[in-house]
Amino acid sequence: MSEKKGTSATRAKNKYNAKNYDRLYPYVKKGRKAVYEEAAQKSGMTLNEFMITAIEEKVQKVLEEE
C-alpha cells in the first residue's frame, strides 16, 4: 500500500501550488535575509511580496531600455 504524507488539505494545497506557481530558491549571503526582512516590514510587505516587487521593477526597467 502506498503511504500518503500529510493531511488531505495539505496535499490539496501542494497540488494547487505545483500547478499554479514556479519556485525560486535565491541564496543570499549570511545576514542579508534579516536586512531584506526589515526593509520588507518597513514597506508594509511580506518578504515574498518585497522580493517579487523588486524583481518586477528591475525587469520592467531592463525591458524599457531595449
N, C-alpha and C. Protein backbone atom coordinates (compact mmCIF):
# COMPACT_ATOMS: atom_id res chain seq x y z
N MET A 1 0.84 -1.17 0.00
CA MET A 1 0.00 0.00 0.00
C MET A 1 0.89 1.24 0.00
N SER A 2 0.56 2.24 -0.83
CA SER A 2 1.37 3.45 -0.88
C SER A 2 1.06 4.33 0.32
N GLU A 3 2.11 4.92 0.85
CA GLU A 3 1.96 5.77 2.03
C GLU A 3 1.71 7.22 1.58
N LYS A 4 0.67 7.85 2.12
CA LYS A 4 0.37 9.24 1.81
C LYS A 4 0.90 10.10 2.95
N LYS A 5 1.62 11.15 2.59
CA LYS A 5 2.18 12.04 3.60
C LYS A 5 1.34 13.29 3.71
N GLY A 6 1.09 13.75 4.92
CA GLY A 6 0.34 14.96 5.16
C GLY A 6 -1.15 14.72 5.12
N THR A 7 -1.88 15.73 5.56
CA THR A 7 -3.34 15.63 5.55
C THR A 7 -3.85 15.84 4.13
N SER A 8 -5.09 15.54 3.91
CA SER A 8 -5.66 15.74 2.57
C SER A 8 -5.65 17.22 2.20
N ALA A 9 -5.84 18.11 3.18
CA ALA A 9 -5.80 19.56 2.92
C ALA A 9 -4.41 19.99 2.48
N THR A 10 -3.39 19.46 3.14
CA THR A 10 -2.01 19.79 2.78
C THR A 10 -1.69 19.28 1.38
N ARG A 11 -2.10 18.06 1.09
CA ARG A 11 -1.86 17.51 -0.25
C ARG A 11 -2.57 18.34 -1.32
N ALA A 12 -3.78 18.79 -1.03
CA ALA A 12 -4.53 19.62 -1.98
C ALA A 12 -3.82 20.96 -2.21
N LYS A 13 -3.34 21.58 -1.15
CA LYS A 13 -2.61 22.86 -1.27
C LYS A 13 -1.33 22.67 -2.07
N ASN A 14 -0.60 21.60 -1.79
CA ASN A 14 0.64 21.33 -2.52
C ASN A 14 0.36 21.10 -4.00
N LYS A 15 -0.70 20.38 -4.32
CA LYS A 15 -1.07 20.13 -5.71
C LYS A 15 -1.43 21.44 -6.41
N TYR A 16 -2.21 22.29 -5.74
CA TYR A 16 -2.58 23.59 -6.30
C TYR A 16 -1.34 24.44 -6.55
N ASN A 17 -0.45 24.52 -5.54
CA ASN A 17 0.76 25.32 -5.69
C ASN A 17 1.65 24.82 -6.81
N ALA A 18 1.79 23.52 -6.94
CA ALA A 18 2.62 22.96 -8.01
C ALA A 18 2.06 23.30 -9.38
N LYS A 19 0.75 23.35 -9.49
CA LYS A 19 0.10 23.65 -10.76
C LYS A 19 0.16 25.13 -11.12
N ASN A 20 0.13 26.01 -10.13
CA ASN A 20 -0.05 27.44 -10.37
C ASN A 20 1.17 28.32 -10.11
N TYR A 21 2.23 27.80 -9.53
CA TYR A 21 3.38 28.63 -9.18
C TYR A 21 4.68 27.96 -9.59
N ASP A 22 5.66 28.79 -9.95
CA ASP A 22 7.04 28.34 -10.12
C ASP A 22 7.77 28.70 -8.83
N ARG A 23 8.77 27.90 -8.48
CA ARG A 23 9.52 28.16 -7.26
C ARG A 23 10.90 28.69 -7.61
N LEU A 24 11.36 29.67 -6.85
CA LEU A 24 12.71 30.19 -6.95
C LEU A 24 13.39 29.98 -5.60
N TYR A 25 14.67 29.68 -5.64
CA TYR A 25 15.40 29.46 -4.41
C TYR A 25 16.65 30.35 -4.40
N PRO A 26 16.47 31.64 -4.12
CA PRO A 26 17.65 32.52 -4.11
C PRO A 26 18.50 32.28 -2.87
N TYR A 27 19.80 32.27 -3.08
CA TYR A 27 20.74 32.17 -1.97
C TYR A 27 21.34 33.54 -1.76
N VAL A 28 21.41 33.97 -0.52
CA VAL A 28 21.98 35.27 -0.18
C VAL A 28 23.03 35.08 0.90
N LYS A 29 23.94 36.04 0.98
CA LYS A 29 24.99 35.99 2.00
C LYS A 29 24.36 36.01 3.39
N LYS A 30 25.03 35.35 4.33
CA LYS A 30 24.57 35.33 5.73
C LYS A 30 24.34 36.75 6.21
N GLY A 31 23.21 36.96 6.87
CA GLY A 31 22.89 38.26 7.43
C GLY A 31 22.04 39.13 6.52
N ARG A 32 22.05 38.87 5.21
CA ARG A 32 21.28 39.70 4.27
C ARG A 32 19.79 39.45 4.39
N LYS A 33 19.40 38.23 4.74
CA LYS A 33 17.98 37.93 4.87
C LYS A 33 17.33 38.84 5.90
N ALA A 34 18.00 39.06 7.02
CA ALA A 34 17.47 39.93 8.06
C ALA A 34 17.31 41.36 7.54
N VAL A 35 18.24 41.82 6.72
CA VAL A 35 18.17 43.16 6.13
C VAL A 35 16.96 43.24 5.21
N TYR A 36 16.76 42.23 4.39
CA TYR A 36 15.63 42.20 3.47
C TYR A 36 14.30 42.14 4.22
N GLU A 37 14.26 41.33 5.27
CA GLU A 37 13.04 41.22 6.08
C GLU A 37 12.69 42.56 6.73
N GLU A 38 13.70 43.26 7.23
CA GLU A 38 13.46 44.56 7.86
C GLU A 38 12.93 45.57 6.83
N ALA A 39 13.54 45.58 5.66
CA ALA A 39 13.10 46.50 4.60
C ALA A 39 11.67 46.17 4.17
N ALA A 40 11.36 44.90 4.06
CA ALA A 40 10.02 44.47 3.68
C ALA A 40 9.00 44.91 4.73
N GLN A 41 9.34 44.69 5.98
CA GLN A 41 8.45 45.06 7.08
C GLN A 41 8.20 46.57 7.08
N LYS A 42 9.25 47.36 6.89
CA LYS A 42 9.11 48.82 6.86
C LYS A 42 8.28 49.28 5.66
N SER A 43 8.26 48.46 4.61
CA SER A 43 7.46 48.76 3.42
C SER A 43 6.04 48.24 3.54
N GLY A 44 5.75 47.56 4.64
CA GLY A 44 4.41 47.01 4.85
C GLY A 44 4.13 45.79 3.99
N MET A 45 5.17 45.06 3.64
CA MET A 45 5.04 43.88 2.78
C MET A 45 5.62 42.66 3.46
N THR A 46 5.23 41.50 2.96
CA THR A 46 5.91 40.28 3.36
C THR A 46 7.23 40.23 2.60
N LEU A 47 8.12 39.37 3.03
CA LEU A 47 9.40 39.23 2.34
C LEU A 47 9.17 38.78 0.90
N ASN A 48 8.24 37.88 0.69
CA ASN A 48 7.93 37.40 -0.65
C ASN A 48 7.41 38.53 -1.54
N GLU A 49 6.47 39.31 -1.02
CA GLU A 49 5.94 40.46 -1.79
C GLU A 49 7.05 41.45 -2.13
N PHE A 50 7.91 41.71 -1.15
CA PHE A 50 9.01 42.65 -1.34
C PHE A 50 9.95 42.17 -2.44
N MET A 51 10.30 40.90 -2.41
CA MET A 51 11.22 40.35 -3.41
C MET A 51 10.59 40.37 -4.80
N ILE A 52 9.32 39.99 -4.89
CA ILE A 52 8.65 39.98 -6.19
C ILE A 52 8.56 41.40 -6.74
N THR A 53 8.22 42.37 -5.89
CA THR A 53 8.14 43.77 -6.32
C THR A 53 9.50 44.25 -6.83
N ALA A 54 10.55 43.95 -6.10
CA ALA A 54 11.89 44.37 -6.51
C ALA A 54 12.29 43.74 -7.83
N ILE A 55 12.00 42.47 -8.00
CA ILE A 55 12.34 41.77 -9.25
C ILE A 55 11.54 42.37 -10.41
N GLU A 56 10.24 42.57 -10.21
CA GLU A 56 9.38 43.11 -11.27
C GLU A 56 9.82 44.52 -11.67
N GLU A 57 10.21 45.35 -10.69
CA GLU A 57 10.69 46.69 -11.01
C GLU A 57 11.96 46.62 -11.85
N LYS A 58 12.86 45.73 -11.51
CA LYS A 58 14.11 45.57 -12.26
C LYS A 58 13.83 45.05 -13.66
N VAL A 59 12.94 44.09 -13.80
CA VAL A 59 12.59 43.54 -15.11
C VAL A 59 11.99 44.64 -15.99
N GLN A 60 11.07 45.42 -15.43
CA GLN A 60 10.44 46.50 -16.19
C GLN A 60 11.47 47.50 -16.66
N LYS A 61 12.40 47.86 -15.81
CA LYS A 61 13.46 48.80 -16.16
C LYS A 61 14.32 48.27 -17.30
N VAL A 62 14.71 47.02 -17.21
CA VAL A 62 15.53 46.41 -18.24
C VAL A 62 14.77 46.35 -19.57
N LEU A 63 13.51 45.96 -19.53
CA LEU A 63 12.74 45.84 -20.76
C LEU A 63 12.47 47.20 -21.40
N GLU A 64 12.35 48.24 -20.59
CA GLU A 64 12.14 49.58 -21.13
C GLU A 64 13.39 50.13 -21.82
N GLU A 65 14.56 49.62 -21.42
CA GLU A 65 15.83 50.07 -22.01
C GLU A 65 16.04 49.51 -23.42
N GLU A 66 15.31 48.48 -23.77
CA GLU A 66 15.52 47.83 -25.08
C GLU A 66 15.08 48.71 -26.22
